[in-house]
Amino acid sequence: MKIIKSRISSKCTDGSIVNECTLDIPVSDGFLQSIQAKGEVSTKQLGNNTLFTFSCDLFSMKGMVGDTIIYVSHRKEDADTVQSVISSIFEKYP
């Protein structure tokens, strides 16, 4: 799994940044299981869709299972570190 495109979708008043990331394959339940050890994962059913959120000390991530777009929120000063961590998380998942 790889991030094929990333763009800043919004800047919050508290200085946080939200990046919209497009993945090469959709998020799966298996991917969510693989990241549980790295932070807190929660899911919520919205009709036939499953919304997921992931959070750790450095960033939070949310999206829909079966979709290729996720949103990553983090502090501006952590941008480089977050990009590195996120890339390594996705590269480790087949």
PDB file of N, CA and C in Angstrom:
ATOM      1  N   MET A   1       0.854  -1.169   0.000  1.00  0.00           N
ATOM      2  CA  MET A   1       0.000   0.000   0.000  1.00  0.00           C
ATOM      3  C   MET A   1       0.901   1.233   0.000  1.00  0.00           C
ATOM      4  N   LYS A   2       0.602   2.184  -0.890  1.00  0.00           N
ATOM      5  CA  LYS A   2       1.417   3.390  -0.989  1.00  0.00           C
ATOM      6  C   LYS A   2       0.525   4.629  -1.097  1.00  0.00           C
ATOM      7  N   ILE A   3       1.055   5.740  -0.627  1.00  0.00           N
ATOM      8  CA  ILE A   3       0.402   7.035  -0.833  1.00  0.00           C
ATOM      9  C   ILE A   3       0.835   7.508  -2.220  1.00  0.00           C
ATOM     10  N   ILE A   4      -0.131   7.706  -3.117  1.00  0.00           N
ATOM     11  CA  ILE A   4       0.219   8.140  -4.460  1.00  0.00           C
ATOM     12  C   ILE A   4       0.036   9.646  -4.649  1.00  0.00           C
ATOM     13  N   LYS A   5      -0.709  10.266  -3.733  1.00  0.00           N
ATOM     14  CA  LYS A   5      -0.883  11.714  -3.805  1.00  0.00           C
ATOM     15  C   LYS A   5      -1.238  12.237  -2.424  1.00  0.00           C
ATOM     16  N   SER A   6      -0.689  13.384  -2.060  1.00  0.00           N
ATOM     17  CA  SER A   6      -0.981  14.001  -0.772  1.00  0.00           C
ATOM     18  C   SER A   6      -1.055  15.505  -0.959  1.00  0.00           C
ATOM     19  N   ARG A   7      -2.077  16.107  -0.380  1.00  0.00           N
ATOM     20  CA  ARG A   7      -2.198  17.560  -0.451  1.00  0.00           C
ATOM     21  C   ARG A   7      -2.791  18.073   0.848  1.00  0.00           C
ATOM     22  N   ILE A   8      -2.433  19.290   1.203  1.00  0.00           N
ATOM     23  CA  ILE A   8      -3.011  19.920   2.392  1.00  0.00           C
ATOM     24  C   ILE A   8      -4.437  20.315   2.053  1.00  0.00           C
ATOM     25  N   SER A   9      -5.394  19.773   2.791  1.00  0.00           N
ATOM     26  CA  SER A   9      -6.792  20.086   2.499  1.00  0.00           C
ATOM     27  C   SER A   9      -7.319  21.207   3.374  1.00  0.00           C
ATOM     28  N   SER A  10      -6.708  21.415   4.550  1.00  0.00           N
ATOM     29  CA  SER A  10      -7.121  22.546   5.387  1.00  0.00           C
ATOM     30  C   SER A  10      -6.080  22.828   6.456  1.00  0.00           C
ATOM     31  N   LYS A  11      -6.128  24.046   6.937  1.00  0.00           N
ATOM     32  CA  LYS A  11      -5.288  24.475   8.057  1.00  0.00           C
ATOM     33  C   LYS A  11      -6.229  24.956   9.143  1.00  0.00           C
ATOM     34  N   CYS A  12      -6.060  24.412  10.334  1.00  0.00           N
ATOM     35  CA  CYS A  12      -6.943  24.724  11.451  1.00  0.00           C
ATOM     36  C   CYS A  12      -6.441  25.963  12.199  1.00  0.00           C
ATOM     37  N   THR A  13      -7.323  26.572  12.936  1.00  0.00           N
ATOM     38  CA  THR A  13      -6.968  27.779  13.680  1.00  0.00           C
ATOM     39  C   THR A  13      -5.960  27.502  14.789  1.00  0.00           C
ATOM     40  N   ASP A  14      -5.866  26.262  15.259  1.00  0.00           N
ATOM     41  CA  ASP A  14      -4.896  25.924  16.304  1.00  0.00           C
ATOM     42  C   ASP A  14      -3.520  25.588  15.736  1.00  0.00           C
ATOM     43  N   GLY A  15      -3.336  25.738  14.421  1.00  0.00           N
ATOM     44  CA  GLY A  15      -2.057  25.469  13.797  1.00  0.00           C
ATOM     45  C   GLY A  15      -1.923  24.059  13.242  1.00  0.00           C
ATOM     46  N   SER A  16      -2.935  23.230  13.417  1.00  0.00           N
ATOM     47  CA  SER A  16      -2.893  21.874  12.873  1.00  0.00           C
ATOM     48  C   SER A  16      -3.131  21.897  11.363  1.00  0.00           C
ATOM     49  N   ILE A  17      -2.652  20.856  10.723  1.00  0.00           N
ATOM     50  CA  ILE A  17      -2.806  20.702   9.280  1.00  0.00           C
ATOM     51  C   ILE A  17      -3.547  19.395   9.011  1.00  0.00           C
ATOM     52  N   VAL A  18      -4.419  19.406   8.014  1.00  0.00           N
ATOM     53  CA  VAL A  18      -5.099  18.194   7.577  1.00  0.00           C
ATOM     54  C   VAL A  18      -4.635  17.894   6.151  1.00  0.00           C
ATOM     55  N   ASN A  19      -4.043  16.717   5.975  1.00  0.00           N
ATOM     56  CA  ASN A  19      -3.605  16.271   4.654  1.00  0.00           C
ATOM     57  C   ASN A  19      -4.604  15.263   4.113  1.00  0.00           C
ATOM     58  N   GLU A  20      -4.981  15.421   2.866  1.00  0.00           N
ATOM     59  CA  GLU A  20      -5.788  14.426   2.166  1.00  0.00           C
ATOM     60  C   GLU A  20      -4.826  13.545   1.390  1.00  0.00           C
ATOM     61  N   CYS A  21      -4.835  12.259   1.696  1.00  0.00           N
ATOM     62  CA  CYS A  21      -3.914  11.317   1.052  1.00  0.00           C
ATOM     63  C   CYS A  21      -4.703  10.317   0.216  1.00  0.00           C
ATOM     64  N   THR A  22      -4.240  10.102  -1.010  1.00  0.00           N
ATOM     65  CA  THR A  22      -4.838   9.107  -1.888  1.00  0.00           C
ATOM     66  C   THR A  22      -3.916   7.895  -1.916  1.00  0.00           C
ATOM     67  N   LEU A  23      -4.497   6.733  -1.658  1.00  0.00           N
ATOM     68  CA  LEU A  23      -3.740   5.476  -1.608  1.00  0.00           C
ATOM     69  C   LEU A  23      -3.886   4.708  -2.917  1.00  0.00           C
ATOM     70  N   ASP A  24      -2.954   3.805  -3.185  1.00  0.00           N
ATOM     71  CA  ASP A  24      -3.028   3.015  -4.407  1.00  0.00           C
ATOM     72  C   ASP A  24      -4.049   1.884  -4.316  1.00  0.00           C
ATOM     73  N   ILE A  25      -4.387   1.449  -3.106  1.00  0.00           N
ATOM     74  CA  ILE A  25      -5.439   0.441  -2.908  1.00  0.00           C
ATOM     75  C   ILE A  25      -6.329   0.892  -1.755  1.00  0.00           C
ATOM     76  N   PRO A  26      -7.572   0.420  -1.716  1.00  0.00           N
ATOM     77  CA  PRO A  26      -8.486   0.842  -0.644  1.00  0.00           C
ATOM     78  C   PRO A  26      -8.077   0.322   0.735  1.00  0.00           C
ATOM     79  N   VAL A  27      -8.449   1.054   1.758  1.00  0.00           N
ATOM     80  CA  VAL A  27      -8.247   0.641   3.148  1.00  0.00           C
ATOM     81  C   VAL A  27      -9.103  -0.599   3.407  1.00  0.00           C
ATOM     82  N   SER A  28      -8.524  -1.572   4.082  1.00  0.00           N
ATOM     83  CA  SER A  28      -9.246  -2.808   4.387  1.00  0.00           C
ATOM     84  C   SER A  28      -9.288  -3.032   5.896  1.00  0.00           C
ATOM     85  N   ASP A  29     -10.131  -3.970   6.308  1.00  0.00           N
ATOM     86  CA  ASP A  29     -10.175  -4.348   7.721  1.00  0.00           C
ATOM     87  C   ASP A  29      -8.818  -4.906   8.162  1.00  0.00           C
ATOM     88  N   GLY A  30      -8.138  -5.623   7.273  1.00  0.00           N
ATOM     89  CA  GLY A  30      -6.816  -6.167   7.577  1.00  0.00           C
ATOM     90  C   GLY A  30      -5.808  -5.072   7.875  1.00  0.00           C
ATOM     91  N   PHE A  31      -5.878  -3.973   7.126  1.00  0.00           N
ATOM     92  CA  PHE A  31      -4.977  -2.848   7.378  1.00  0.00           C
ATOM     93  C   PHE A  31      -5.244  -2.273   8.765  1.00  0.00           C
ATOM     94  N   LEU A  32      -6.510  -2.111   9.126  1.00  0.00           N
ATOM     95  CA  LEU A  32      -6.842  -1.562  10.447  1.00  0.00           C
ATOM     96  C   LEU A  32      -6.318  -2.471  11.556  1.00  0.00           C
ATOM     97  N   GLN A  33      -6.406  -3.775  11.363  1.00  0.00           N
ATOM     98  CA  GLN A  33      -5.867  -4.709  12.352  1.00  0.00           C
ATOM     99  C   GLN A  33      -4.351  -4.566  12.460  1.00  0.00           C
ATOM    100  N   SER A  34      -3.690  -4.295  11.323  1.00  0.00           N
ATOM    101  CA  SER A  34      -2.226  -4.201  11.343  1.00  0.00           C
ATOM    102  C   SER A  34      -1.724  -2.946  12.053  1.00  0.00           C
ATOM    103  N   ILE A  35      -2.536  -1.899  12.157  1.00  0.00           N
ATOM    104  CA  ILE A  35      -2.079  -0.670  12.814  1.00  0.00           C
ATOM    105  C   ILE A  35      -2.563  -0.533  14.255  1.00  0.00           C
ATOM    106  N   GLN A  36      -3.335  -1.489  14.738  1.00  0.00           N
ATOM    107  CA  GLN A  36      -3.857  -1.411  16.110  1.00  0.00           C
ATOM    108  C   GLN A  36      -2.761  -1.324  17.154  1.00  0.00           C
ATOM    109  N   ALA A  37      -1.637  -1.955  16.926  1.00  0.00           N
ATOM    110  CA  ALA A  37      -0.548  -1.941  17.909  1.00  0.00           C
ATOM    111  C   ALA A  37       0.164  -0.582  17.962  1.00  0.00           C
ATOM    112  N   LYS A  38      -0.053   0.258  16.958  1.00  0.00           N
ATOM    113  CA  LYS A  38       0.640   1.540  16.878  1.00  0.00           C
ATOM    114  C   LYS A  38      -0.155   2.707  17.462  1.00  0.00           C
ATOM    115  N   GLY A  39      -1.399   2.455  17.815  1.00  0.00           N
ATOM    116  CA  GLY A  39      -2.244   3.513  18.353  1.00  0.00           C
ATOM    117  C   GLY A  39      -3.635   2.983  18.609  1.00  0.00           C
ATOM    118  N   GLU A  40      -4.582   3.877  18.714  1.00  0.00           N
ATOM    119  CA  GLU A  40      -5.964   3.501  19.001  1.00  0.00           C
ATOM    120  C   GLU A  40      -6.792   3.557  17.718  1.00  0.00           C
ATOM    121  N   VAL A  41      -7.450   2.443  17.395  1.00  0.00           N
ATOM    122  CA  VAL A  41      -8.309   2.353  16.215  1.00  0.00           C
ATOM    123  C   VAL A  41      -9.747   2.195  16.680  1.00  0.00           C
ATOM    124  N   SER A  42     -10.637   2.975  16.102  1.00  0.00           N
ATOM    125  CA  SER A  42     -12.058   2.794  16.383  1.00  0.00           C
ATOM    126  C   SER A  42     -12.824   2.824  15.072  1.00  0.00           C
ATOM    127  N   THR A  43     -13.944   2.135  15.046  1.00  0.00           N
ATOM    128  CA  THR A  43     -14.779   2.086  13.845  1.00  0.00           C
ATOM    129  C   THR A  43     -16.216   2.403  14.213  1.00  0.00           C
ATOM    130  N   LYS A  44     -16.954   2.888  13.213  1.00  0.00           N
ATOM    131  CA  LYS A  44     -18.359   3.224  13.406  1.00  0.00           C
ATOM    132  C   LYS A  44     -19.100   2.911  12.114  1.00  0.00           C
ATOM    133  N   GLN A  45     -20.195   2.191  12.235  1.00  0.00           N
ATOM    134  CA  GLN A  45     -21.004   1.869  11.069  1.00  0.00           C
ATOM    135  C   GLN A  45     -21.877   3.059  10.686  1.00  0.00           C
ATOM    136  N   LEU A  46     -21.827   3.430   9.420  1.00  0.00           N
ATOM    137  CA  LEU A  46     -22.676   4.483   8.864  1.00  0.00           C
ATOM    138  C   LEU A  46     -23.429   3.868   7.696  1.00  0.00           C
ATOM    139  N   GLY A  47     -24.581   3.268   7.989  1.00  0.00           N
ATOM    140  CA  GLY A  47     -25.300   2.518   6.950  1.00  0.00           C
ATOM    141  C   GLY A  47     -24.479   1.300   6.577  1.00  0.00           C
ATOM    142  N   ASN A  48     -24.171   1.164   5.285  1.00  0.00           N
ATOM    143  CA  ASN A  48     -23.366   0.039   4.809  1.00  0.00           C
ATOM    144  C   ASN A  48     -21.871   0.336   4.848  1.00  0.00           C
ATOM    145  N   ASN A  49     -21.482   1.533   5.257  1.00  0.00           N
ATOM    146  CA  ASN A  49     -20.084   1.946   5.274  1.00  0.00           C
ATOM    147  C   ASN A  49     -19.504   1.910   6.684  1.00  0.00           C
ATOM    148  N   THR A  50     -18.198   1.731   6.761  1.00  0.00           N
ATOM    149  CA  THR A  50     -17.498   1.727   8.043  1.00  0.00           C
ATOM    150  C   THR A  50     -16.509   2.882   8.075  1.00  0.00           C
ATOM    151  N   LEU A  51     -16.729   3.807   9.001  1.00  0.00           N
ATOM    152  CA  LEU A  51     -15.822   4.922   9.229  1.00  0.00           C
ATOM    153  C   LEU A  51     -14.782   4.459  10.241  1.00  0.00           C
ATOM    154  N   PHE A  52     -13.507   4.734   9.984  1.00  0.00           N
ATOM    155  CA  PHE A  52     -12.481   4.396  10.957  1.00  0.00           C
ATOM    156  C   PHE A  52     -11.731   5.652  11.383  1.00  0.00           C
ATOM    157  N   THR A  53     -11.237   5.621  12.591  1.00  0.00           N
ATOM    158  CA  THR A  53     -10.339   6.661  13.087  1.00  0.00           C
ATOM    159  C   THR A  53      -9.168   5.959  13.761  1.00  0.00           C
ATOM    160  N   PHE A  54      -8.005   6.539  13.589  1.00  0.00           N
ATOM    161  CA  PHE A  54      -6.780   6.052  14.206  1.00  0.00           C
ATOM    162  C   PHE A  54      -6.130   7.252  14.865  1.00  0.00           C
ATOM    163  N   SER A  55      -5.658   7.082  16.079  1.00  0.00           N
ATOM    164  CA  SER A  55      -4.950   8.186  16.722  1.00  0.00           C
ATOM    165  C   SER A  55      -3.772   7.649  17.537  1.00  0.00           C
ATOM    166  N   CYS A  56      -2.726   8.459  17.546  1.00  0.00           N
ATOM    167  CA  CYS A  56      -1.544   8.194  18.353  1.00  0.00           C
ATOM    168  C   CYS A  56      -1.042   9.553  18.833  1.00  0.00           C
ATOM    169  N   ASP A  57       0.071   9.589  19.505  1.00  0.00           N
ATOM    170  CA  ASP A  57       0.583  10.848  20.052  1.00  0.00           C
ATOM    171  C   ASP A  57       0.942  11.864  18.973  1.00  0.00           C
ATOM    172  N   LEU A  58       1.327  11.401  17.797  1.00  0.00           N
ATOM    173  CA  LEU A  58       1.862  12.269  16.754  1.00  0.00           C
ATOM    174  C   LEU A  58       0.817  12.783  15.761  1.00  0.00           C
ATOM    175  N   PHE A  59      -0.191  11.953  15.454  1.00  0.00           N
ATOM    176  CA  PHE A  59      -1.184  12.330  14.439  1.00  0.00           C
ATOM    177  C   PHE A  59      -2.461  11.526  14.613  1.00  0.00           C
ATOM    178  N   SER A  60      -3.478  11.915  13.859  1.00  0.00           N
ATOM    179  CA  SER A  60      -4.705  11.123  13.773  1.00  0.00           C
ATOM    180  C   SER A  60      -5.042  10.940  12.301  1.00  0.00           C
ATOM    181  N   MET A  61      -5.778   9.886  12.015  1.00  0.00           N
ATOM    182  CA  MET A  61      -6.099   9.540  10.635  1.00  0.00           C
ATOM    183  C   MET A  61      -7.541   9.048  10.616  1.00  0.00           C
ATOM    184  N   LYS A  62      -8.282   9.397   9.566  1.00  0.00           N
ATOM    185  CA  LYS A  62      -9.635   8.874   9.442  1.00  0.00           C
ATOM    186  C   LYS A  62      -9.979   8.669   7.983  1.00  0.00           C
ATOM    187  N   GLY A  63     -10.956   7.812   7.768  1.00  0.00           N
ATOM    188  CA  GLY A  63     -11.399   7.504   6.415  1.00  0.00           C
ATOM    189  C   GLY A  63     -12.458   6.424   6.461  1.00  0.00           C
ATOM    190  N   MET A  64     -12.746   5.883   5.297  1.00  0.00           N
ATOM    191  CA  MET A  64     -13.755   4.839   5.185  1.00  0.00           C
ATOM    192  C   MET A  64     -13.089   3.553   4.718  1.00  0.00           C
ATOM    193  N   VAL A  65     -13.484   2.432   5.306  1.00  0.00           N
ATOM    194  CA  VAL A  65     -13.013   1.132   4.842  1.00  0.00           C
ATOM    195  C   VAL A  65     -13.535   0.952   3.415  1.00  0.00           C
ATOM    196  N   GLY A  66     -12.670   0.532   2.515  1.00  0.00           N
ATOM    197  CA  GLY A  66     -13.044   0.346   1.122  1.00  0.00           C
ATOM    198  C   GLY A  66     -12.800   1.562   0.249  1.00  0.00           C
ATOM    199  N   ASP A  67     -12.287   2.654   0.840  1.00  0.00           N
ATOM    200  CA  ASP A  67     -12.010   3.876   0.095  1.00  0.00           C
ATOM    201  C   ASP A  67     -10.500   4.084  -0.001  1.00  0.00           C
ATOM    202  N   THR A  68     -10.071   4.834  -0.994  1.00  0.00           N
ATOM    203  CA  THR A  68      -8.640   5.087  -1.181  1.00  0.00           C
ATOM    204  C   THR A  68      -8.208   6.453  -0.653  1.00  0.00           C
ATOM    205  N   ILE A  69      -9.122   7.214  -0.068  1.00  0.00           N
ATOM    206  CA  ILE A  69      -8.776   8.532   0.463  1.00  0.00           C
ATOM    207  C   ILE A  69      -8.854   8.511   1.983  1.00  0.00           C
ATOM    208  N   ILE A  70      -7.786   9.012   2.627  1.00  0.00           N
ATOM    209  CA  ILE A  70      -7.763   9.158   4.079  1.00  0.00           C
ATOM    210  C   ILE A  70      -7.370  10.593   4.410  1.00  0.00           C
ATOM    211  N   TYR A  71      -7.696  11.006   5.619  1.00  0.00           N
ATOM    212  CA  TYR A  71      -7.352  12.347   6.103  1.00  0.00           C
ATOM    213  C   TYR A  71      -6.460  12.205   7.327  1.00  0.00           C
ATOM    214  N   VAL A  72      -5.325  12.890   7.295  1.00  0.00           N
ATOM    215  CA  VAL A  72      -4.342  12.820   8.373  1.00  0.00           C
ATOM    216  C   VAL A  72      -4.207  14.208   8.989  1.00  0.00           C
ATOM    217  N   SER A  73      -4.426  14.312  10.300  1.00  0.00           N
ATOM    218  CA  SER A  73      -4.310  15.579  11.025  1.00  0.00           C
ATOM    219  C   SER A  73      -3.085  15.539  11.928  1.00  0.00           C
ATOM    220  N   HIS A  74      -2.341  16.644  11.934  1.00  0.00           N
ATOM    221  CA  HIS A  74      -1.144  16.721  12.764  1.00  0.00           C
ATOM    222  C   HIS A  74      -0.758  18.177  12.968  1.00  0.00           C
ATOM    223  N   ARG A  75       0.122  18.402  13.929  1.00  0.00           N
ATOM    224  CA  ARG A  75       0.623  19.763  14.148  1.00  0.00           C
ATOM    225  C   ARG A  75       1.593  20.122  13.029  1.00  0.00           C
ATOM    226  N   LYS A  76       1.618  21.377  12.672  1.00  0.00           N
ATOM    227  CA  LYS A  76       2.459  21.857  11.568  1.00  0.00           C
ATOM    228  C   LYS A  76       3.930  21.506  11.782  1.00  0.00           C
ATOM    229  N   GLU A  77       4.422  21.683  12.997  1.00  0.00           N
ATOM    230  CA  GLU A  77       5.841  21.436  13.264  1.00  0.00           C
ATOM    231  C   GLU A  77       6.222  19.959  13.190  1.00  0.00           C
ATOM    232  N   ASP A  78       5.231  19.057  13.181  1.00  0.00           N
ATOM    233  CA  ASP A  78       5.498  17.621  13.101  1.00  0.00           C
ATOM    234  C   ASP A  78       5.367  17.075  11.677  1.00  0.00           C
ATOM    235  N   ALA A  79       5.194  17.939  10.696  1.00  0.00           N
ATOM    236  CA  ALA A  79       4.865  17.514   9.331  1.00  0.00           C
ATOM    237  C   ALA A  79       5.858  16.502   8.758  1.00  0.00           C
ATOM    238  N   ASP A  80       7.148  16.774   8.846  1.00  0.00           N
ATOM    239  CA  ASP A  80       8.144  15.870   8.259  1.00  0.00           C
ATOM    240  C   ASP A  80       8.151  14.508   8.952  1.00  0.00           C
ATOM    241  N   THR A  81       8.087  14.523  10.263  1.00  0.00           N
ATOM    242  CA  THR A  81       8.081  13.273  11.029  1.00  0.00           C
ATOM    243  C   THR A  81       6.832  12.460  10.707  1.00  0.00           C
ATOM    244  N   VAL A  82       5.684  13.121  10.654  1.00  0.00           N
ATOM    245  CA  VAL A  82       4.419  12.432  10.364  1.00  0.00           C
ATOM    246  C   VAL A  82       4.468  11.791   8.978  1.00  0.00           C
ATOM    247  N   GLN A  83       4.944  12.511   7.981  1.00  0.00           N
ATOM    248  CA  GLN A  83       5.023  11.947   6.620  1.00  0.00           C
ATOM    249  C   GLN A  83       5.889  10.693   6.610  1.00  0.00           C
ATOM    250  N   SER A  84       6.988  10.718   7.324  1.00  0.00           N
ATOM    251  CA  SER A  84       7.882   9.567   7.387  1.00  0.00           C
ATOM    252  C   SER A  84       7.204   8.375   8.066  1.00  0.00           C
ATOM    253  N   VAL A  85       6.550   8.629   9.197  1.00  0.00           N
ATOM    254  CA  VAL A  85       5.878   7.556   9.941  1.00  0.00           C
ATOM    255  C   VAL A  85       4.739   6.960   9.120  1.00  0.00           C
ATOM    256  N   ILE A  86       3.944   7.805   8.514  1.00  0.00           N
ATOM    257  CA  ILE A  86       2.803   7.321   7.725  1.00  0.00           C
ATOM    258  C   ILE A  86       3.285   6.494   6.536  1.00  0.00           C
ATOM    259  N   SER A  87       4.295   6.976   5.849  1.00  0.00           N
ATOM    260  CA  SER A  87       4.829   6.219   4.715  1.00  0.00           C
ATOM    261  C   SER A  87       5.300   4.836   5.152  1.00  0.00           C
ATOM    262  N   SER A  88       5.974   4.763   6.296  1.00  0.00           N
ATOM    263  CA  SER A  88       6.461   3.460   6.756  1.00  0.00           C
ATOM    264  C   SER A  88       5.305   2.544   7.166  1.00  0.00           C
ATOM    265  N   ILE A  89       4.239   3.102   7.726  1.00  0.00           N
ATOM    266  CA  ILE A  89       3.066   2.287   8.097  1.00  0.00           C
ATOM    267  C   ILE A  89       2.451   1.663   6.849  1.00  0.00           C
ATOM    268  N   PHE A  90       2.270   2.462   5.810  1.00  0.00           N
ATOM    269  CA  PHE A  90       1.639   1.954   4.592  1.00  0.00           C
ATOM    270  C   PHE A  90       2.552   0.995   3.845  1.00  0.00           C
ATOM    271  N   GLU A  91       3.843   1.253   3.820  1.00  0.00           N
ATOM    272  CA  GLU A  91       4.773   0.369   3.109  1.00  0.00           C
ATOM    273  C   GLU A  91       4.835  -1.018   3.736  1.00  0.00           C
ATOM    274  N   LYS A  92       4.609  -1.102   5.040  1.00  0.00           N
ATOM    275  CA  LYS A  92       4.681  -2.391   5.731  1.00  0.00           C
ATOM    276  C   LYS A  92       3.425  -3.239   5.496  1.00  0.00           C
ATOM    277  N   TYR A  93       2.346  -2.612   5.031  1.00  0.00           N
ATOM    278  CA  TYR A  93       1.125  -3.379   4.764  1.00  0.00           C
ATOM    279  C   TYR A  93       1.119  -3.776   3.301  1.00  0.00           C
ATOM    280  N   PRO A  94       0.887  -5.065   3.027  1.00  0.00           N
ATOM    281  CA  PRO A  94       0.936  -5.545   1.620  1.00  0.00           C
ATOM    282  C   PRO A  94      -0.133  -4.937   0.735  1.00  0.00           C
TER     283      PRO A  94
END
